[in-house]
Every structure is written in C-alpha cells, then in structure tokens.
Protein backbone atom coordinates (compact mmCIF):
# COMPACT_ATOMS: atom_id res chain seq x y z
CA MET A 1 -0.02 -11.95 47.97
CA ALA A 2 -3.42 -12.92 49.54
CA ALA A 3 -6.68 -12.71 47.43
CA PHE A 4 -9.28 -10.65 48.14
CA PRO A 5 -10.97 -12.13 50.79
CA GLY A 6 -14.32 -14.36 50.15
CA GLY A 7 -12.81 -14.66 45.77
CA TRP A 8 -13.89 -11.21 44.63
CA GLY A 9 -13.51 -10.67 41.86
CA THR A 10 -12.44 -13.59 40.69
CA THR A 11 -13.55 -14.48 36.93
CA ASP A 12 -13.32 -17.39 34.56
CA GLY A 13 -13.83 -15.79 31.20
CA SER A 14 -13.57 -19.40 29.64
CA VAL A 15 -16.68 -19.17 28.34
CA GLU A 16 -15.92 -18.83 24.60
CA GLY A 17 -13.08 -21.29 24.83
CA GLY A 18 -12.89 -25.01 23.84
CA PRO A 19 -15.20 -26.38 21.92
CA VAL A 20 -16.86 -23.59 21.64
CA ALA A 21 -14.59 -21.29 20.07
CA LEU A 22 -13.19 -24.13 17.23
CA ARG A 23 -17.17 -24.94 15.97
CA ARG A 24 -17.33 -22.07 15.45
CA SER A 25 -13.68 -21.44 13.25
CA VAL A 26 -14.01 -24.53 11.89
CA LEU A 27 -17.88 -24.79 11.20
CA PRO A 28 -17.30 -21.78 8.61
CA LEU A 29 -14.47 -23.27 6.84
CA VAL A 30 -16.16 -26.00 6.35
CA ALA A 31 -19.10 -24.85 4.57
CA ALA A 32 -16.81 -22.57 2.73
CA LEU A 33 -15.47 -25.77 1.24
CA THR A 34 -19.30 -28.02 0.79
CA GLY A 35 -21.19 -26.28 0.52
CA PRO A 36 -20.64 -24.33 -2.89
CA VAL A 37 -19.60 -27.93 -4.73
CA ALA A 38 -23.04 -29.82 -3.00
CA VAL A 39 -25.49 -26.92 -4.72
CA CYS A 40 -23.22 -27.21 -7.82
CA ALA A 41 -24.00 -31.41 -7.63
CA VAL A 42 -27.72 -30.07 -6.98
CA LEU A 43 -27.88 -28.06 -10.03
CA LEU A 44 -25.42 -30.11 -12.47
CA PRO A 45 -29.23 -32.26 -13.78
CA ALA A 46 -30.19 -28.64 -14.84
CA ARG A 47 -27.45 -27.71 -16.60
CA GLY A 48 -27.91 -27.38 -19.79
CA HIS A 49 -31.50 -25.82 -18.96
CA LEU A 50 -30.80 -23.04 -16.36
CA ALA A 51 -28.47 -19.96 -17.38
CA ASN A 52 -24.85 -19.52 -16.09
CA THR A 53 -25.62 -16.11 -14.77
CA ASN A 54 -28.32 -17.92 -12.96
CA VAL A 55 -26.40 -20.32 -11.32
CA ALA A 56 -23.88 -18.16 -10.68
CA LEU A 57 -26.21 -15.84 -8.68
CA ILE A 58 -27.17 -19.32 -6.90
CA LEU A 59 -23.39 -19.61 -5.65
CA VAL A 60 -23.07 -15.62 -5.06
CA VAL A 61 -25.52 -16.39 -2.39
CA VAL A 62 -23.75 -19.30 -0.86
CA ALA A 63 -20.44 -17.19 -0.93
CA VAL A 64 -22.84 -14.29 0.73
CA SER A 65 -23.76 -16.92 4.06
CA VAL A 66 -20.54 -18.42 4.42
CA ALA A 67 -19.09 -14.07 4.76
CA ALA A 68 -22.43 -13.35 6.35
CA THR A 69 -20.34 -15.02 9.38
CA GLY A 70 -17.66 -12.26 9.27
CA HIS A 71 -14.76 -15.40 9.55
CA ARG A 72 -12.57 -13.24 6.80
CA PRO A 73 -10.79 -17.42 5.89
CA ALA A 74 -14.04 -18.51 5.41
CA GLY A 75 -15.33 -15.78 3.43
CA TYR A 76 -12.70 -16.04 0.77
CA LEU A 77 -12.63 -19.72 0.76
CA ALA A 78 -15.94 -20.10 0.12
CA ALA A 79 -16.55 -17.39 -2.98
CA LEU A 80 -12.92 -19.30 -4.68
CA SER A 81 -14.71 -22.45 -3.82
CA ALA A 82 -17.92 -21.32 -5.69
CA GLY A 83 -15.85 -20.00 -8.79
CA VAL A 84 -13.42 -22.88 -8.97
CA TRP A 85 -16.39 -25.49 -8.88
CA PHE A 86 -18.73 -22.90 -11.94
CA ASP A 87 -15.60 -23.44 -13.76
CA PHE A 88 -15.41 -27.34 -13.10
CA PHE A 89 -19.16 -28.41 -13.81
CA PHE A 90 -21.10 -25.56 -16.09
CA THR A 91 -18.94 -23.77 -18.22
CA ARG A 92 -16.84 -25.08 -21.13
CA PRO A 93 -15.36 -27.14 -21.35
CA TYR A 94 -17.13 -29.32 -18.88
CA GLN A 95 -15.40 -31.31 -15.77
CA ARG A 96 -12.09 -28.91 -17.11
CA PHE A 97 -10.40 -26.20 -14.75
CA SER A 98 -10.54 -23.80 -18.27
CA ILE A 99 -12.93 -21.68 -19.56
CA ASP A 100 -13.85 -20.52 -23.53
CA ASP A 101 -16.82 -18.55 -23.16
CA ARG A 102 -15.30 -15.18 -22.26
CA SER A 103 -18.79 -14.35 -20.64
CA ASP A 104 -18.17 -17.27 -18.30
CA ILE A 105 -14.46 -15.40 -17.86
CA VAL A 106 -16.45 -12.21 -16.51
CA THR A 107 -19.81 -14.15 -14.62
CA ALA A 108 -16.09 -16.02 -12.39
CA VAL A 109 -14.21 -12.63 -11.60
CA LEU A 110 -17.28 -11.19 -10.56
CA LEU A 111 -18.53 -14.16 -8.41
CA LEU A 112 -14.61 -14.29 -6.58
CA ALA A 113 -15.27 -9.86 -6.89
CA VAL A 114 -18.39 -10.08 -4.70
CA GLY A 115 -17.57 -12.84 -2.52
CA ALA A 116 -14.70 -10.88 -1.57
CA ALA A 117 -16.16 -7.87 -1.37
CA VAL A 118 -19.18 -9.42 0.97
CA THR A 119 -16.43 -10.73 3.26
CA GLU A 120 -14.78 -7.86 4.27
CA LEU A 121 -18.70 -5.82 4.49
CA ALA A 122 -19.04 -8.73 7.16
CA VAL A 123 -16.01 -8.47 9.02
CA TRP A 124 -16.16 -4.61 8.69
CA GLY A 125 -19.61 -5.15 10.37
CA ARG A 126 -18.58 -7.48 13.06
CA ARG A 127 -16.01 -5.21 14.19
CA GLN A 128 -18.38 -1.87 14.60
CA ALA A 129 -20.75 -4.37 16.42
CA ALA A 130 -18.44 -5.78 18.91
CA ALA A 131 -17.11 -2.93 19.34
CA ALA A 132 -20.33 -0.20 20.38
CA GLU A 133 -21.30 -4.02 22.05
CA ARG A 134 -17.60 -3.35 24.48
CA ARG A 135 -18.48 0.17 24.79
CA ARG A 136 -22.26 -0.52 25.76
CA VAL A 137 -20.73 -2.98 28.75
CA TYR A 138 -18.16 -0.44 30.28
CA LEU A 139 -20.78 2.26 30.11
CA ALA A 140 -23.18 0.30 32.03
CA GLY A 141 -20.56 -0.78 34.69
CA ILE A 142 -19.14 2.73 35.50
CA GLU A 143 -22.82 3.69 35.94
CA ALA A 144 -23.41 0.87 37.88
CA ALA A 145 -20.43 1.08 39.94
CA ALA A 146 -21.31 4.82 40.52
CA ALA A 147 -24.44 4.23 41.55
CA ALA A 148 -23.06 1.40 43.87
CA GLY A 149 -20.83 3.85 45.37
CA ALA A 150 -23.08 6.79 45.48
CA VAL A 151 -25.17 4.27 47.80
CA GLY A 152 -23.26 2.70 49.84
CA GLY A 153 -22.86 -0.82 48.29
CA SER A 154 -20.94 -3.08 48.63
CA ALA A 155 -17.21 -2.80 47.86
CA GLY A 156 -16.80 -6.75 47.42
CA ALA A 157 -19.62 -6.74 44.81
CA MET A 158 -18.78 -3.68 43.27
CA VAL A 159 -14.87 -5.56 42.19
CA ARG A 160 -16.63 -8.91 42.05
CA GLN A 161 -18.56 -6.70 39.47
CA VAL A 162 -16.32 -4.72 37.58
CA SER A 163 -14.27 -8.53 37.02
CA ASP A 164 -16.91 -9.72 35.36
CA GLN A 165 -17.02 -6.41 32.66
CA LEU A 166 -13.07 -5.73 32.17
CA VAL A 167 -13.83 -10.31 30.93
CA THR A 168 -16.18 -9.32 29.13
CA ALA A 169 -15.66 -5.75 27.53
CA LEU A 170 -12.16 -7.34 26.95
CA GLY A 171 -12.46 -10.91 25.91
CA LEU A 172 -10.44 -12.07 28.60
CA ARG A 173 -9.97 -15.51 30.04
CA GLY A 174 -10.13 -14.52 33.14
CA CYS A 175 -9.59 -11.85 35.96
CA ARG A 176 -8.92 -11.89 39.54
CA PHE A 177 -8.79 -9.15 42.14
CA GLN A 178 -5.50 -8.84 44.48
CA LEU A 179 -5.67 -6.46 47.78
CA GLY A 180 -2.81 -4.65 48.06
CA VAL A 181 -0.27 -5.48 45.68
CA ALA A 182 1.15 -3.99 42.78
CA GLY A 183 4.31 -5.35 40.31
CA VAL A 184 4.91 -8.77 42.39
CA GLY A 185 5.33 -11.55 39.81
CA ASN A 186 6.73 -9.57 36.99
CA PRO A 187 3.32 -9.09 35.40
CA ALA A 188 2.83 -6.74 32.46
CA ARG A 189 1.52 -3.35 33.38
CA LEU A 190 -1.82 -1.79 31.51
CA GLY A 191 -1.17 1.98 32.23
CA ARG A 192 -3.71 4.94 32.63
CA ASP A 193 -2.66 6.02 29.53
CA GLY A 194 -4.06 2.77 28.36
CA GLN A 195 -0.47 1.27 27.40
CA ILE A 196 0.03 -1.89 27.67
CA THR A 197 4.27 -1.99 29.15
CA LEU A 198 6.16 -5.80 29.49
CA ASP A 199 9.63 -5.61 31.61
CA GLY A 200 9.98 -1.70 31.43
CA ARG A 201 9.37 -1.75 27.94
CA ARG A 202 6.08 -0.99 25.39
CA TRP A 203 4.16 -3.57 23.97
CA GLU A 204 4.22 -3.20 20.24
CA ALA A 205 2.39 -5.48 18.85
CA VAL A 206 -1.75 -5.60 18.21
CA ASP A 207 -2.64 -9.06 20.97
CA LEU A 208 -2.35 -8.83 24.40
CA PRO A 209 0.02 -10.51 25.74
CA THR A 210 -0.73 -13.59 26.61
CA ASP A 211 2.89 -15.43 28.74
CA ARG A 212 2.08 -13.41 31.41
CA ASP A 213 -1.02 -11.11 33.55
CA ILE A 214 -1.60 -7.75 32.88
CA GLU A 215 -1.83 -5.66 36.14
CA LEU A 216 -4.04 -3.41 36.39
CA ARG A 217 -3.97 -0.95 39.62
CA VAL A 218 -6.56 0.08 41.26
CA GLU A 219 -5.72 4.11 43.58
CA LYS A 220 -6.88 6.51 44.53
CA GLY A 221 -5.07 10.30 44.76
CA GLY A 222 -1.58 8.36 44.87
CA ARG A 223 -2.87 5.44 47.02
CA LEU A 224 -2.61 2.08 45.83
CA TYR A 225 -5.40 -0.15 47.05
CA GLY A 226 -4.74 -3.45 44.55
CA ARG A 227 -5.08 -4.21 41.46
CA TYR A 228 -6.95 -6.12 39.00
CA LEU A 229 -4.78 -9.15 36.55
CA LEU A 230 -5.91 -9.77 34.14
CA THR A 231 -5.49 -12.52 31.71
CA ALA A 232 -5.16 -13.03 28.17
CA GLY A 233 -6.13 -15.91 25.66
CA PRO A 234 -4.50 -15.99 21.92
CA GLY A 235 -5.64 -13.41 19.84
CA THR A 236 -7.21 -10.73 22.51
CA ARG A 237 -6.71 -7.95 21.06
CA PRO A 238 -8.93 -4.51 22.10
CA SER A 239 -8.94 -1.29 20.55
CA LEU A 240 -6.65 1.54 23.02
CA GLY A 241 -10.37 3.48 23.58
CA ASP A 242 -11.02 0.13 25.31
CA ARG A 243 -8.18 -0.53 27.87
CA ARG A 244 -8.99 3.14 28.55
CA LEU A 245 -12.11 2.49 30.21
CA ALA A 246 -10.94 -0.30 31.93
CA VAL A 247 -8.67 1.32 33.58
CA THR A 248 -11.46 3.76 34.19
CA LEU A 249 -13.25 0.96 35.72
CA ALA A 250 -10.64 0.70 38.14
CA ASP A 251 -10.60 4.02 39.07
CA GLN A 252 -14.70 3.24 40.42
CA VAL A 253 -13.26 0.45 42.03
CA GLY A 254 -10.56 2.53 43.41
CA ALA A 255 -13.10 5.33 45.04
CA ALA A 256 -14.85 2.74 46.31
CA LEU A 257 -12.65 1.29 48.15
CA GLY A 258 -11.37 4.58 49.14
C-alpha cells in the first residue's frame, strides 16, 4: 500500500487549523463581550445630553460589526450584550437591570432584533460566498486538469494539483493519493453519487467523519487506478454538490492515468 511515487498528491491541509482557527473563533466572542460595555463606558459622561435612541444606534453599529464576521454565537452575544448594557447604563433606574420607560423597552427590543437579524444575514452571506468560492476552485481545477490531459502533461503534476483542489474546496485537513489500491484499512467511502458510506451504511451526519479517512476512488472504464484518502477535521461539512464535483475531479485524474 505504498503512496504514489515521489510523494504525488500528498497535501497537508492544516493551514487553517491551530492558532489561526482559534483566533478566528475566540476574537469575535471577545469583541461581543467587551465591545458594547466599552462603548457604553465612553458614552456614559454624555448620558444627560445624548438621547437614548442615539445611544442605541451607536450600539447597533457595534453589534453589526461583530455580526458581520459571520460568527453566529458572537453575533447573538453582541446583540444581547448591547441590550443588557444599554439597559444598565442608559435607562431608568440607572445601574439596575430594569426599564421603567416603555419607549426604552421598545428601543432595547429593537436593538436585540436588529443584531439578531444582521447576524443571520451575515452568516447566510458568508455561506453563499464560501459556496461560490468552492465551486470556482473546483471548476478551475477541472479546467486545468482537462487542459493538462489534452497537452499530455505530467500525470504526477495532475495528481498533486487535484489533491490541492480537494483540500481547498472541501475544507479538508489533508489529502493523499495511493496508487492501485482501494478498500484497504476500512476507510469511509465517497461514492459517485456524492454520498458517504461507512461500514456499508450511508453516513447521515452533516459533518464528514473524522475518526478515519474517506476514500475517493480514481477509476476509468471500470478499472481502478488508485484512490485519494481525504482527512476531514471537526466541522467539515461540504455540500452534496461539492462532493459530486470532487468525484468529477477524481475522474479527470483517472482519465489522465488511463
């Protein structure tokens, strides 16, 4: 079960892991907790001269800034934090978590609602952008693989290129190619219909399995040429369309090797 000669198709997809992923996860939460209270502290000296609606609008900007990161928990936390500290510092009775004025109650509720709505819009927008980028990467990879095959390019170069495309587009931790083997080591399997099977049964979870590699076979005309072993990290959840395009990329490699 040797790897493809010369290390063809071995790709480490860990670039997005470690400290970088931790910062992207933690920093929005920190901003959600500290941003609204910090802004309230700055505005507090002007409490008698600044209308509460204006304060709420400023806090909306803070909540929207956090929500725009597309981090759903941070977006909701920022909206909640803005509402709580608006109540504590700028509604009567001051320095208490209660509101006597009806208009201030409406303002606080709207502050929470706007923060939640912007969070959902930001999450949706980022998902759409990520999906579009994955499809762009896939289509570029298919085009490049087809062009390499048409001009008789190196099969090894194509194997490596497709491995890179699979890591980027599926959000994998890693990917490697093995020549002439399949079904060895009891991996999960990515079928031609884009579905994942594990131990002979369909994988129903949204995230890809992480306790073992996922086998993507490279075939042409019923003949097996090898397989890609895909390593997924926690939270990896490519769409069915993404997985079917991965099969198309593997077919391009099969055509080149054949």
